[in-house]
Amino acid sequence: MTESKVNGIIVWLVMCLVLIGCSDGSPRGWTIENEINTESKWTHWYRPKDDPTFTADYGNNHDSILFYDSQLEYPYHLIISHQPTHAFLWRSKKFSIHSSEWELASDHYVIGNHYEYDDGVRVGDTYYIFEQGLVYTFSGALEDANGQWQATGTFPKAGSDDIGVFYEDEIFHIFGEYGDFPHGPDGTSLSHYTSPTGLGDWTLVDNKAVDANPRGGHKYGVGDATIEKIDGAYYLFSDIESKGNPYKVVAWRSNSLYEPFTFLGTAIEARSQETDDRDNERIQDCDILWIGEIDQYVMSCNMRDIDGVPGGNFPTLNKNTSRVIGFFLSGHFPEETV
């Protein structure tokens, strides 16, 4: 073989490597959005008003958990994480996106000594809240649980962190961060574990039940799931981010909890081209709930802004940073209904 032919082959090989490879293991030009193969209304969530902020009066608000029980005097309860010292407990007789329509049942609600709480579920008269590998439980009213929560169980944090919880047919399911995402506190996929008690005896189903990097690599970080069964299928909403692209909420779908979830698309994202509201930098930490009185689903999300407009009193955050909870709806409804 002549030297010119050898050089030609080398050039050809180099060009092939450039065209088909990249540092994170994904093909050049590939994005997770390329994987969309289903049109779904669950990728179209709406702001019920231009500024969907629940409240900006109580400093750093993030990582909310929604509960509903039609038999209670106050059917709606909302736990909002704040600082390791305490969270906030809100309650309401009627759903509203406005805190003015809710009652602040406790402005110093103590569960454990955690900055945030991943997710929660109620089974019978017992509430379960999950965080940092611990399961906190209380049997009775949430209002009576202040300072009375007990760490009665564990879950495999090393293999499933920042989890979402779903309960069905006497089985607890958790979906949490798995794998090493180098650019933030996320996984490269979501693992799935099950337990008959929610307190231990966890069984791994799949380390890649939700795979944010189906072509390999670690381009995308995923976490903070919330799960709902809708019309016989399972929908999972999670955070997703990549280097230089802040968190947004995306949707996934599966016909079975025991089968991998398929990516549907973006459900909620920040309005990065605007500056007048508190959802202009990133949106994450969603929690889904069916609201029968308005005949649609809502998601409470953590919204962060870093431009100082409209600002507010957030003494524990960096200058110009705000962090609040906002509500998003699964359909268009007049503002007066919420």
C-alpha atoms as a PDB file:
ATOM      1  CA  MET A   1       0.000   0.000   0.000  1.00  0.00           C
ATOM      2  CA  THR A   2       1.394   3.366  -0.971  1.00  0.00           C
ATOM      3  CA  GLU A   3       2.060   6.121   1.546  1.00  0.00           C
ATOM      4  CA  SER A   4      -0.589   8.313  -0.082  1.00  0.00           C
ATOM      5  CA  LYS A   5      -3.229   5.602   0.363  1.00  0.00           C
ATOM      6  CA  VAL A   6      -2.265   5.126   4.024  1.00  0.00           C
ATOM      7  CA  ASN A   7      -2.532   8.864   4.631  1.00  0.00           C
ATOM      8  CA  GLY A   8      -5.893   8.898   2.891  1.00  0.00           C
ATOM      9  CA  ILE A   9      -7.230   6.129   5.126  1.00  0.00           C
ATOM     10  CA  ILE A  10      -6.007   7.951   8.239  1.00  0.00           C
ATOM     11  CA  VAL A  11      -7.753  11.156   7.172  1.00  0.00           C
ATOM     12  CA  TRP A  12     -10.950   9.216   6.442  1.00  0.00           C
ATOM     13  CA  LEU A  13     -10.879   7.542   9.878  1.00  0.00           C
ATOM     14  CA  VAL A  14     -10.346  10.854  11.650  1.00  0.00           C
ATOM     15  CA  MET A  15     -13.261  12.413   9.791  1.00  0.00           C
ATOM     16  CA  CYS A  16     -15.504   9.489  10.736  1.00  0.00           C
ATOM     17  CA  LEU A  17     -14.596   9.845  14.411  1.00  0.00           C
ATOM     18  CA  VAL A  18     -15.341  13.554  14.330  1.00  0.00           C
ATOM     19  CA  LEU A  19     -18.690  13.036  12.655  1.00  0.00           C
ATOM     20  CA  ILE A  20     -20.032  10.215  14.816  1.00  0.00           C
ATOM     21  CA  GLY A  21     -18.473  10.823  18.185  1.00  0.00           C
ATOM     22  CA  CYS A  22     -18.438  13.365  20.986  1.00  0.00           C
ATOM     23  CA  SER A  23     -16.965  13.535  24.479  1.00  0.00           C
ATOM     24  CA  ASP A  24     -20.099  12.462  26.384  1.00  0.00           C
ATOM     25  CA  GLY A  25     -20.675   9.337  24.335  1.00  0.00           C
ATOM     26  CA  SER A  26     -23.594  10.763  22.342  1.00  0.00           C
ATOM     27  CA  PRO A  27     -23.569  11.244  18.557  1.00  0.00           C
ATOM     28  CA  ARG A  28     -22.770  14.737  17.329  1.00  0.00           C
ATOM     29  CA  GLY A  29     -25.902  16.861  17.127  1.00  0.00           C
ATOM     30  CA  TRP A  30     -27.967  14.380  19.152  1.00  0.00           C
ATOM     31  CA  THR A  31     -30.266  15.713  21.861  1.00  0.00           C
ATOM     32  CA  ILE A  32     -32.825  13.939  23.983  1.00  0.00           C
ATOM     33  CA  GLU A  33     -35.489  15.896  22.117  1.00  0.00           C
ATOM     34  CA  ASN A  34     -34.622  13.764  19.058  1.00  0.00           C
ATOM     35  CA  GLU A  35     -36.136  10.822  20.913  1.00  0.00           C
ATOM     36  CA  ILE A  36     -39.691  12.245  20.931  1.00  0.00           C
ATOM     37  CA  ASN A  37     -41.988   9.748  19.259  1.00  0.00           C
ATOM     38  CA  THR A  38     -45.375  10.504  20.773  1.00  0.00           C
ATOM     39  CA  GLU A  39     -47.668  13.510  20.648  1.00  0.00           C
ATOM     40  CA  SER A  40     -49.059  13.999  24.141  1.00  0.00           C
ATOM     41  CA  LYS A  41     -51.148  16.629  25.853  1.00  0.00           C
ATOM     42  CA  TRP A  42     -49.063  15.934  28.957  1.00  0.00           C
ATOM     43  CA  THR A  43     -46.264  17.969  27.411  1.00  0.00           C
ATOM     44  CA  HIS A  44     -48.517  21.045  27.344  1.00  0.00           C
ATOM     45  CA  TRP A  45     -48.875  22.520  30.827  1.00  0.00           C
ATOM     46  CA  TYR A  46     -50.049  26.071  31.379  1.00  0.00           C
ATOM     47  CA  ARG A  47     -49.557  28.984  33.721  1.00  0.00           C
ATOM     48  CA  PRO A  48     -52.961  29.853  35.201  1.00  0.00           C
ATOM     49  CA  LYS A  49     -51.795  33.468  35.333  1.00  0.00           C
ATOM     50  CA  ASP A  50     -48.746  35.338  34.108  1.00  0.00           C
ATOM     51  CA  ASP A  51     -47.057  35.042  37.504  1.00  0.00           C
ATOM     52  CA  PRO A  52     -48.017  31.644  38.997  1.00  0.00           C
ATOM     53  CA  THR A  53     -46.168  32.284  42.295  1.00  0.00           C
ATOM     54  CA  PHE A  54     -47.916  30.748  45.311  1.00  0.00           C
ATOM     55  CA  THR A  55     -46.257  33.151  47.753  1.00  0.00           C
ATOM     56  CA  ALA A  56     -43.071  35.222  47.952  1.00  0.00           C
ATOM     57  CA  ASP A  57     -43.585  36.252  51.582  1.00  0.00           C
ATOM     58  CA  TYR A  58     -41.756  33.441  53.363  1.00  0.00           C
ATOM     59  CA  GLY A  59     -38.262  33.416  51.902  1.00  0.00           C
ATOM     60  CA  ASN A  60     -36.734  30.390  50.220  1.00  0.00           C
ATOM     61  CA  ASN A  61     -39.531  27.977  49.165  1.00  0.00           C
ATOM     62  CA  HIS A  62     -38.795  24.764  47.258  1.00  0.00           C
ATOM     63  CA  ASP A  63     -39.557  21.010  47.014  1.00  0.00           C
ATOM     64  CA  SER A  64     -43.275  20.883  47.766  1.00  0.00           C
ATOM     65  CA  ILE A  65     -45.487  17.868  48.549  1.00  0.00           C
ATOM     66  CA  LEU A  66     -49.241  17.920  47.865  1.00  0.00           C
ATOM     67  CA  PHE A  67     -51.819  15.793  49.719  1.00  0.00           C
ATOM     68  CA  TYR A  68     -55.571  15.503  49.174  1.00  0.00           C
ATOM     69  CA  ASP A  69     -58.302  13.750  51.180  1.00  0.00           C
ATOM     70  CA  SER A  70     -61.942  14.591  50.457  1.00  0.00           C
ATOM     71  CA  GLN A  71     -63.001  13.370  53.925  1.00  0.00           C
ATOM     72  CA  LEU A  72     -61.047  16.018  55.808  1.00  0.00           C
ATOM     73  CA  GLU A  73     -62.304  19.443  56.866  1.00  0.00           C
ATOM     74  CA  TYR A  74     -59.283  20.807  54.998  1.00  0.00           C
ATOM     75  CA  PRO A  75     -58.935  18.412  52.036  1.00  0.00           C
ATOM     76  CA  TYR A  76     -55.798  20.069  50.621  1.00  0.00           C
ATOM     77  CA  HIS A  77     -52.438  20.099  52.374  1.00  0.00           C
ATOM     78  CA  LEU A  78     -49.167  21.456  51.025  1.00  0.00           C
ATOM     79  CA  ILE A  79     -45.775  20.937  52.661  1.00  0.00           C
ATOM     80  CA  ILE A  80     -43.114  23.342  51.382  1.00  0.00           C
ATOM     81  CA  SER A  81     -39.437  22.813  52.196  1.00  0.00           C
ATOM     82  CA  HIS A  82     -37.589  25.876  53.508  1.00  0.00           C
ATOM     83  CA  GLN A  83     -34.498  25.370  55.696  1.00  0.00           C
ATOM     84  CA  PRO A  84     -33.105  22.385  57.666  1.00  0.00           C
ATOM     85  CA  THR A  85     -34.734  23.806  60.797  1.00  0.00           C
ATOM     86  CA  HIS A  86     -38.281  23.629  59.473  1.00  0.00           C
ATOM     87  CA  ALA A  87     -40.721  23.519  56.587  1.00  0.00           C
ATOM     88  CA  PHE A  88     -44.135  25.160  56.093  1.00  0.00           C
ATOM     89  CA  LEU A  89     -47.523  23.432  56.281  1.00  0.00           C
ATOM     90  CA  TRP A  90     -50.425  24.985  54.374  1.00  0.00           C
ATOM     91  CA  ARG A  91     -54.034  23.777  54.205  1.00  0.00           C
ATOM     92  CA  SER A  92     -57.180  24.747  52.331  1.00  0.00           C
ATOM     93  CA  LYS A  93     -60.845  23.798  52.003  1.00  0.00           C
ATOM     94  CA  LYS A  94     -60.834  24.688  48.312  1.00  0.00           C
ATOM     95  CA  PHE A  95     -58.037  24.527  45.795  1.00  0.00           C
ATOM     96  CA  SER A  96     -56.444  27.780  44.701  1.00  0.00           C
ATOM     97  CA  ILE A  97     -53.114  28.772  43.192  1.00  0.00           C
ATOM     98  CA  HIS A  98     -53.052  31.761  45.565  1.00  0.00           C
ATOM     99  CA  SER A  99     -51.678  31.461  49.102  1.00  0.00           C
ATOM    100  CA  SER A 100     -54.248  34.053  50.174  1.00  0.00           C
ATOM    101  CA  GLU A 101     -56.881  31.323  49.775  1.00  0.00           C
ATOM    102  CA  TRP A 102     -54.903  28.886  51.929  1.00  0.00           C
ATOM    103  CA  GLU A 103     -54.256  28.872  55.669  1.00  0.00           C
ATOM    104  CA  LEU A 104     -50.703  28.647  56.976  1.00  0.00           C
ATOM    105  CA  ALA A 105     -51.246  25.874  59.511  1.00  0.00           C
ATOM    106  CA  SER A 106     -47.620  26.017  60.675  1.00  0.00           C
ATOM    107  CA  ASP A 107     -44.765  28.380  59.837  1.00  0.00           C
ATOM    108  CA  HIS A 108     -42.342  26.132  61.743  1.00  0.00           C
ATOM    109  CA  TYR A 109     -43.211  22.607  60.660  1.00  0.00           C
ATOM    110  CA  VAL A 110     -40.660  20.047  61.830  1.00  0.00           C
ATOM    111  CA  ILE A 111     -40.235  16.692  60.087  1.00  0.00           C
ATOM    112  CA  GLY A 112     -36.488  15.969  60.227  1.00  0.00           C
ATOM    113  CA  ASN A 113     -33.392  18.111  59.967  1.00  0.00           C
ATOM    114  CA  HIS A 114     -33.332  18.300  56.179  1.00  0.00           C
ATOM    115  CA  TYR A 115     -33.136  21.177  53.731  1.00  0.00           C
ATOM    116  CA  GLU A 116     -35.680  19.460  51.502  1.00  0.00           C
ATOM    117  CA  TYR A 117     -38.038  16.488  51.393  1.00  0.00           C
ATOM    118  CA  ASP A 118     -38.150  14.352  48.260  1.00  0.00           C
ATOM    119  CA  ASP A 119     -41.739  13.142  48.164  1.00  0.00           C
ATOM    120  CA  GLY A 120     -44.565  11.741  50.234  1.00  0.00           C
ATOM    121  CA  VAL A 121     -47.551   9.433  50.066  1.00  0.00           C
ATOM    122  CA  ARG A 122     -50.470   8.562  52.304  1.00  0.00           C
ATOM    123  CA  VAL A 123     -51.549   4.939  52.791  1.00  0.00           C
ATOM    124  CA  GLY A 124     -54.520   4.450  55.079  1.00  0.00           C
ATOM    125  CA  ASP A 125     -54.062   6.788  58.030  1.00  0.00           C
ATOM    126  CA  THR A 126     -50.278   6.858  57.734  1.00  0.00           C
ATOM    127  CA  TYR A 127     -48.204   9.467  55.932  1.00  0.00           C
ATOM    128  CA  TYR A 128     -44.787   8.546  54.537  1.00  0.00           C
ATOM    129  CA  ILE A 129     -42.164  11.188  53.688  1.00  0.00           C
ATOM    130  CA  PHE A 130     -38.845  10.253  52.049  1.00  0.00           C
ATOM    131  CA  GLU A 131     -35.510  12.063  52.256  1.00  0.00           C
ATOM    132  CA  GLN A 132     -31.779  11.211  52.386  1.00  0.00           C
ATOM    133  CA  GLY A 133     -32.355   7.468  52.627  1.00  0.00           C
ATOM    134  CA  LEU A 134     -34.794   7.835  55.542  1.00  0.00           C
ATOM    135  CA  VAL A 135     -38.547   7.252  55.633  1.00  0.00           C
ATOM    136  CA  TYR A 136     -40.479   9.396  58.108  1.00  0.00           C
ATOM    137  CA  THR A 137     -43.972   8.285  59.144  1.00  0.00           C
ATOM    138  CA  PHE A 138     -46.888   9.613  61.136  1.00  0.00           C
ATOM    139  CA  SER A 139     -50.383   8.203  61.644  1.00  0.00           C
ATOM    140  CA  GLY A 140     -53.031  10.872  62.092  1.00  0.00           C
ATOM    141  CA  ALA A 141     -53.603  14.441  60.961  1.00  0.00           C
ATOM    142  CA  LEU A 142     -50.732  16.339  59.357  1.00  0.00           C
ATOM    143  CA  GLU A 143     -51.396  19.260  61.688  1.00  0.00           C
ATOM    144  CA  ASP A 144     -50.711  16.980  64.677  1.00  0.00           C
ATOM    145  CA  ALA A 145     -47.495  15.624  63.167  1.00  0.00           C
ATOM    146  CA  ASN A 146     -45.400  18.751  63.779  1.00  0.00           C
ATOM    147  CA  GLY A 147     -42.288  17.554  65.601  1.00  0.00           C
ATOM    148  CA  GLN A 148     -43.762  14.063  65.932  1.00  0.00           C
ATOM    149  CA  TRP A 149     -42.499  12.433  62.739  1.00  0.00           C
ATOM    150  CA  GLN A 150     -40.432   9.302  63.306  1.00  0.00           C
ATOM    151  CA  ALA A 151     -37.700   7.896  61.058  1.00  0.00           C
ATOM    152  CA  THR A 152     -39.109   4.370  60.928  1.00  0.00           C
ATOM    153  CA  GLY A 153     -37.626   3.109  57.668  1.00  0.00           C
ATOM    154  CA  THR A 154     -34.946   3.464  55.024  1.00  0.00           C
ATOM    155  CA  PHE A 155     -34.564   3.345  51.267  1.00  0.00           C
ATOM    156  CA  PRO A 156     -31.435   2.726  49.117  1.00  0.00           C
ATOM    157  CA  LYS A 157     -30.198   6.298  48.706  1.00  0.00           C
ATOM    158  CA  ALA A 158     -26.935   5.159  47.102  1.00  0.00           C
ATOM    159  CA  GLY A 159     -28.866   3.642  44.214  1.00  0.00           C
ATOM    160  CA  SER A 160     -31.920   5.889  44.164  1.00  0.00           C
ATOM    161  CA  ASP A 161     -31.612   9.477  45.378  1.00  0.00           C
ATOM    162  CA  ASP A 162     -33.957  12.485  45.126  1.00  0.00           C
ATOM    163  CA  ILE A 163     -36.866  10.134  44.594  1.00  0.00           C
ATOM    164  CA  GLY A 164     -40.489  10.164  43.523  1.00  0.00           C
ATOM    165  CA  VAL A 165     -42.908   7.780  45.264  1.00  0.00           C
ATOM    166  CA  PHE A 166     -45.949   5.962  43.898  1.00  0.00           C
ATOM    167  CA  TYR A 167     -48.204   3.476  45.724  1.00  0.00           C
ATOM    168  CA  GLU A 168     -50.362   0.902  43.945  1.00  0.00           C
ATOM    169  CA  ASP A 169     -51.707  -2.573  44.733  1.00  0.00           C
ATOM    170  CA  GLU A 170     -50.030  -2.648  48.154  1.00  0.00           C
ATOM    171  CA  ILE A 171     -46.600  -1.958  46.677  1.00  0.00           C
ATOM    172  CA  PHE A 172     -44.443   1.148  47.156  1.00  0.00           C
ATOM    173  CA  HIS A 173     -42.508   2.220  44.072  1.00  0.00           C
ATOM    174  CA  ILE A 174     -39.634   4.707  44.149  1.00  0.00           C
ATOM    175  CA  PHE A 175     -37.883   6.231  41.146  1.00  0.00           C
ATOM    176  CA  GLY A 176     -34.631   8.013  41.953  1.00  0.00           C
ATOM    177  CA  GLU A 177     -31.340   9.299  40.616  1.00  0.00           C
ATOM    178  CA  TYR A 178     -28.795   6.728  39.496  1.00  0.00           C
ATOM    179  CA  GLY A 179     -25.434   7.240  37.803  1.00  0.00           C
ATOM    180  CA  ASP A 180     -22.903  10.061  37.790  1.00  0.00           C
ATOM    181  CA  PHE A 181     -23.895  13.339  36.166  1.00  0.00           C
ATOM    182  CA  PRO A 182     -20.740  15.511  36.314  1.00  0.00           C
ATOM    183  CA  HIS A 183     -22.399  18.922  36.022  1.00  0.00           C
ATOM    184  CA  GLY A 184     -24.907  18.886  38.887  1.00  0.00           C
ATOM    185  CA  PRO A 185     -26.642  16.903  41.664  1.00  0.00           C
ATOM    186  CA  ASP A 186     -28.516  14.511  39.358  1.00  0.00           C
ATOM    187  CA  GLY A 187     -28.386  11.005  37.982  1.00  0.00           C
ATOM    188  CA  THR A 188     -27.927   9.957  34.385  1.00  0.00           C
ATOM    189  CA  SER A 189     -31.023   7.782  34.753  1.00  0.00           C
ATOM    190  CA  LEU A 190     -33.765   6.984  37.263  1.00  0.00           C
ATOM    191  CA  SER A 191     -33.690   3.627  38.997  1.00  0.00           C
ATOM    192  CA  HIS A 192     -36.841   1.808  40.113  1.00  0.00           C
ATOM    193  CA  TYR A 193     -37.203  -0.063  43.407  1.00  0.00           C
ATOM    194  CA  THR A 194     -40.234  -1.700  45.035  1.00  0.00           C
ATOM    195  CA  SER A 195     -41.156  -2.527  48.624  1.00  0.00           C
ATOM    196  CA  PRO A 196     -44.212  -4.110  50.289  1.00  0.00           C
ATOM    197  CA  THR A 197     -43.854  -1.833  53.327  1.00  0.00           C
ATOM    198  CA  GLY A 198     -42.187   1.356  52.100  1.00  0.00           C
ATOM    199  CA  LEU A 199     -39.884   1.067  55.104  1.00  0.00           C
ATOM    200  CA  GLY A 200     -37.334  -1.465  53.849  1.00  0.00           C
ATOM    201  CA  ASP A 201     -37.046  -4.742  51.905  1.00  0.00           C
ATOM    202  CA  TRP A 202     -36.453  -2.802  48.689  1.00  0.00           C
ATOM    203  CA  THR A 203     -36.019  -4.774  45.465  1.00  0.00           C
ATOM    204  CA  LEU A 204     -34.277  -3.311  42.425  1.00  0.00           C
ATOM    205  CA  VAL A 205     -36.391  -3.503  39.269  1.00  0.00           C
ATOM    206  CA  ASP A 206     -34.268  -1.508  36.820  1.00  0.00           C
ATOM    207  CA  ASN A 207     -31.388   0.950  37.161  1.00  0.00           C
ATOM    208  CA  LYS A 208     -32.497   2.592  33.914  1.00  0.00           C
ATOM    209  CA  ALA A 209     -36.271   2.647  34.235  1.00  0.00           C
ATOM    210  CA  VAL A 210     -36.013   6.232  32.974  1.00  0.00           C
ATOM    211  CA  ASP A 211     -32.944   6.652  30.788  1.00  0.00           C
ATOM    212  CA  ALA A 212     -32.023  10.269  30.088  1.00  0.00           C
ATOM    213  CA  ASN A 213     -28.991   9.172  28.060  1.00  0.00           C
ATOM    214  CA  PRO A 214     -30.213   6.311  25.849  1.00  0.00           C
ATOM    215  CA  ARG A 215     -27.220   6.684  23.527  1.00  0.00           C
ATOM    216  CA  GLY A 216     -24.769   6.430  26.420  1.00  0.00           C
ATOM    217  CA  GLY A 217     -22.664   9.104  28.073  1.00  0.00           C
ATOM    218  CA  HIS A 218     -23.769  11.657  30.647  1.00  0.00           C
ATOM    219  CA  LYS A 219     -25.029  14.636  28.682  1.00  0.00           C
ATOM    220  CA  TYR A 220     -28.274  14.907  30.655  1.00  0.00           C
ATOM    221  CA  GLY A 221     -28.923  14.936  34.394  1.00  0.00           C
ATOM    222  CA  VAL A 222     -32.302  13.705  35.615  1.00  0.00           C
ATOM    223  CA  GLY A 223     -34.045  13.524  38.992  1.00  0.00           C
ATOM    224  CA  ASP A 224     -36.915  14.519  41.276  1.00  0.00           C
ATOM    225  CA  ALA A 225     -39.719  12.427  39.810  1.00  0.00           C
ATOM    226  CA  THR A 226     -43.463  12.548  40.375  1.00  0.00           C
ATOM    227  CA  ILE A 227     -45.687   9.749  39.057  1.00  0.00           C
ATOM    228  CA  GLU A 228     -49.380   9.490  38.194  1.00  0.00           C
ATOM    229  CA  LYS A 229     -51.576   6.848  36.551  1.00  0.00           C
ATOM    230  CA  ILE A 230     -53.714   8.482  33.855  1.00  0.00           C
ATOM    231  CA  ASP A 231     -56.152   6.572  31.628  1.00  0.00           C
ATOM    232  CA  GLY A 232     -54.428   3.276  32.355  1.00  0.00           C
ATOM    233  CA  ALA A 233     -50.894   4.453  31.566  1.00  0.00           C
ATOM    234  CA  TYR A 234     -48.172   5.726  33.879  1.00  0.00           C
ATOM    235  CA  TYR A 235     -46.793   9.215  33.459  1.00  0.00           C
ATOM    236  CA  LEU A 236     -43.620  10.335  35.158  1.00  0.00           C
ATOM    237  CA  PHE A 237     -42.499  13.950  35.279  1.00  0.00           C
ATOM    238  CA  SER A 238     -38.924  14.780  36.227  1.00  0.00           C
ATOM    239  CA  ASP A 239     -36.247  17.444  36.270  1.00  0.00           C
ATOM    240  CA  ILE A 240     -33.740  17.437  33.460  1.00  0.00           C
ATOM    241  CA  GLU A 241     -30.680  19.601  32.828  1.00  0.00           C
ATOM    242  CA  SER A 242     -27.492  19.605  30.789  1.00  0.00           C
ATOM    243  CA  LYS A 243     -24.317  21.661  30.971  1.00  0.00           C
ATOM    244  CA  GLY A 244     -25.289  25.296  30.418  1.00  0.00           C
ATOM    245  CA  ASN A 245     -29.025  24.482  30.287  1.00  0.00           C
ATOM    246  CA  PRO A 246     -30.885  24.943  33.599  1.00  0.00           C
ATOM    247  CA  TYR A 247     -33.565  22.625  34.937  1.00  0.00           C
ATOM    248  CA  LYS A 248     -36.893  22.153  33.221  1.00  0.00           C
ATOM    249  CA  VAL A 249     -39.654  19.575  33.696  1.00  0.00           C
ATOM    250  CA  VAL A 250     -40.065  16.793  31.133  1.00  0.00           C
ATOM    251  CA  ALA A 251     -42.631  14.017  30.666  1.00  0.00           C
ATOM    252  CA  TRP A 252     -42.202  10.245  30.289  1.00  0.00           C
ATOM    253  CA  ARG A 253     -44.731   7.444  29.719  1.00  0.00           C
ATOM    254  CA  SER A 254     -44.992   3.686  30.197  1.00  0.00           C
ATOM    255  CA  ASN A 255     -47.811   1.161  29.982  1.00  0.00           C
ATOM    256  CA  SER A 256     -46.377  -0.630  33.014  1.00  0.00           C
ATOM    257  CA  LEU A 257     -44.353   0.403  36.035  1.00  0.00           C
ATOM    258  CA  TYR A 258     -42.163  -2.598  35.295  1.00  0.00           C
ATOM    259  CA  GLU A 259     -41.250  -1.481  31.785  1.00  0.00           C
ATOM    260  CA  PRO A 260     -38.919   1.383  30.763  1.00  0.00           C
ATOM    261  CA  PHE A 261     -40.443   4.830  30.329  1.00  0.00           C
ATOM    262  CA  THR A 262     -40.473   6.569  26.947  1.00  0.00           C
ATOM    263  CA  PHE A 263     -39.537  10.238  26.670  1.00  0.00           C
ATOM    264  CA  LEU A 264     -42.439  12.458  25.541  1.00  0.00           C
ATOM    265  CA  GLY A 265     -40.988  15.957  25.626  1.00  0.00           C
ATOM    266  CA  THR A 266     -40.797  19.142  27.668  1.00  0.00           C
ATOM    267  CA  ALA A 267     -43.743  19.779  29.978  1.00  0.00           C
ATOM    268  CA  ILE A 268     -42.746  23.032  31.739  1.00  0.00           C
ATOM    269  CA  GLU A 269     -39.765  25.330  31.228  1.00  0.00           C
ATOM    270  CA  ALA A 270     -38.594  28.735  32.373  1.00  0.00           C
ATOM    271  CA  ARG A 271     -39.265  31.874  30.348  1.00  0.00           C
ATOM    272  CA  SER A 272     -35.595  32.653  29.905  1.00  0.00           C
ATOM    273  CA  GLN A 273     -36.220  35.541  27.505  1.00  0.00           C
ATOM    274  CA  GLU A 274     -38.237  37.477  30.109  1.00  0.00           C
ATOM    275  CA  THR A 275     -37.271  39.262  33.300  1.00  0.00           C
ATOM    276  CA  ASP A 276     -40.481  40.398  34.984  1.00  0.00           C
ATOM    277  CA  ASP A 277     -41.500  37.198  36.830  1.00  0.00           C
ATOM    278  CA  ARG A 278     -39.953  34.609  39.154  1.00  0.00           C
ATOM    279  CA  ASP A 279     -39.814  31.731  36.677  1.00  0.00           C
ATOM    280  CA  ASN A 280     -37.185  33.106  34.298  1.00  0.00           C
ATOM    281  CA  GLU A 281     -34.159  30.922  35.151  1.00  0.00           C
ATOM    282  CA  ARG A 282     -35.227  27.361  35.946  1.00  0.00           C
ATOM    283  CA  ILE A 283     -38.206  25.205  36.985  1.00  0.00           C
ATOM    284  CA  GLN A 284     -37.890  21.896  38.839  1.00  0.00           C
ATOM    285  CA  ASP A 285     -39.049  19.655  41.731  1.00  0.00           C
ATOM    286  CA  CYS A 286     -42.580  19.050  40.466  1.00  0.00           C
ATOM    287  CA  ASP A 287     -45.393  17.281  42.339  1.00  0.00           C
ATOM    288  CA  ILE A 288     -48.611  16.246  40.566  1.00  0.00           C
ATOM    289  CA  LEU A 289     -52.160  16.063  41.954  1.00  0.00           C
ATOM    290  CA  TRP A 290     -55.613  15.572  40.431  1.00  0.00           C
ATOM    291  CA  ILE A 291     -57.973  18.433  41.368  1.00  0.00           C
ATOM    292  CA  GLY A 292     -61.540  17.249  40.831  1.00  0.00           C
ATOM    293  CA  GLU A 293     -63.184  20.606  41.478  1.00  0.00           C
ATOM    294  CA  ILE A 294     -61.472  22.111  38.434  1.00  0.00           C
ATOM    295  CA  ASP A 295     -61.381  18.806  36.518  1.00  0.00           C
ATOM    296  CA  GLN A 296     -57.662  18.756  35.755  1.00  0.00           C
ATOM    297  CA  TYR A 297     -54.219  18.011  37.114  1.00  0.00           C
ATOM    298  CA  VAL A 298     -51.983  20.565  38.761  1.00  0.00           C
ATOM    299  CA  MET A 299     -48.258  20.500  39.367  1.00  0.00           C
ATOM    300  CA  SER A 300     -46.542  22.484  42.068  1.00  0.00           C
ATOM    301  CA  CYS A 301     -42.985  23.345  41.039  1.00  0.00           C
ATOM    302  CA  ASN A 302     -39.937  25.074  42.444  1.00  0.00           C
ATOM    303  CA  MET A 303     -39.194  28.202  40.381  1.00  0.00           C
ATOM    304  CA  ARG A 304     -35.853  29.997  40.686  1.00  0.00           C
ATOM    305  CA  ASP A 305     -34.948  33.413  39.308  1.00  0.00           C
ATOM    306  CA  ILE A 306     -31.560  35.171  39.407  1.00  0.00           C
ATOM    307  CA  ASP A 307     -32.171  38.582  37.812  1.00  0.00           C
ATOM    308  CA  GLY A 308     -33.606  40.300  40.906  1.00  0.00           C
ATOM    309  CA  VAL A 309     -36.916  41.164  39.208  1.00  0.00           C
ATOM    310  CA  PRO A 310     -39.384  41.353  40.849  1.00  0.00           C
ATOM    311  CA  GLY A 311     -37.165  40.259  43.744  1.00  0.00           C
ATOM    312  CA  GLY A 312     -38.379  40.020  47.310  1.00  0.00           C
ATOM    313  CA  ASN A 313     -37.135  39.061  50.756  1.00  0.00           C
ATOM    314  CA  PHE A 314     -34.927  35.972  50.352  1.00  0.00           C
ATOM    315  CA  PRO A 315     -32.213  36.459  53.007  1.00  0.00           C
ATOM    316  CA  THR A 316     -30.766  32.928  52.773  1.00  0.00           C
ATOM    317  CA  LEU A 317     -30.195  33.096  49.001  1.00  0.00           C
ATOM    318  CA  ASN A 318     -27.608  34.875  46.887  1.00  0.00           C
ATOM    319  CA  LYS A 319     -28.215  38.483  45.879  1.00  0.00           C
ATOM    320  CA  ASN A 320     -30.926  38.880  43.208  1.00  0.00           C
ATOM    321  CA  THR A 321     -31.997  35.243  43.630  1.00  0.00           C
ATOM    322  CA  SER A 322     -35.564  34.254  44.439  1.00  0.00           C
ATOM    323  CA  ARG A 323     -36.998  30.778  44.901  1.00  0.00           C
ATOM    324  CA  VAL A 324     -40.728  30.173  45.163  1.00  0.00           C
ATOM    325  CA  ILE A 325     -43.397  27.552  44.517  1.00  0.00           C
ATOM    326  CA  GLY A 326     -45.650  28.010  41.499  1.00  0.00           C
ATOM    327  CA  PHE A 327     -48.665  26.080  40.208  1.00  0.00           C
ATOM    328  CA  PHE A 328     -49.123  24.865  36.634  1.00  0.00           C
ATOM    329  CA  LEU A 329     -52.274  23.354  35.118  1.00  0.00           C
ATOM    330  CA  SER A 330     -52.827  20.548  32.627  1.00  0.00           C
ATOM    331  CA  GLY A 331     -55.429  22.571  30.712  1.00  0.00           C
ATOM    332  CA  HIS A 332     -56.657  26.093  29.998  1.00  0.00           C
ATOM    333  CA  PHE A 333     -59.157  27.350  32.562  1.00  0.00           C
ATOM    334  CA  PRO A 334     -60.340  30.847  33.472  1.00  0.00           C
ATOM    335  CA  GLU A 335     -58.252  32.399  36.216  1.00  0.00           C
ATOM    336  CA  GLU A 336     -61.246  32.791  38.513  1.00  0.00           C
ATOM    337  CA  THR A 337     -61.565  29.001  38.795  1.00  0.00           C
ATOM    338  CA  VAL A 338     -58.225  28.790  40.545  1.00  0.00           C
END
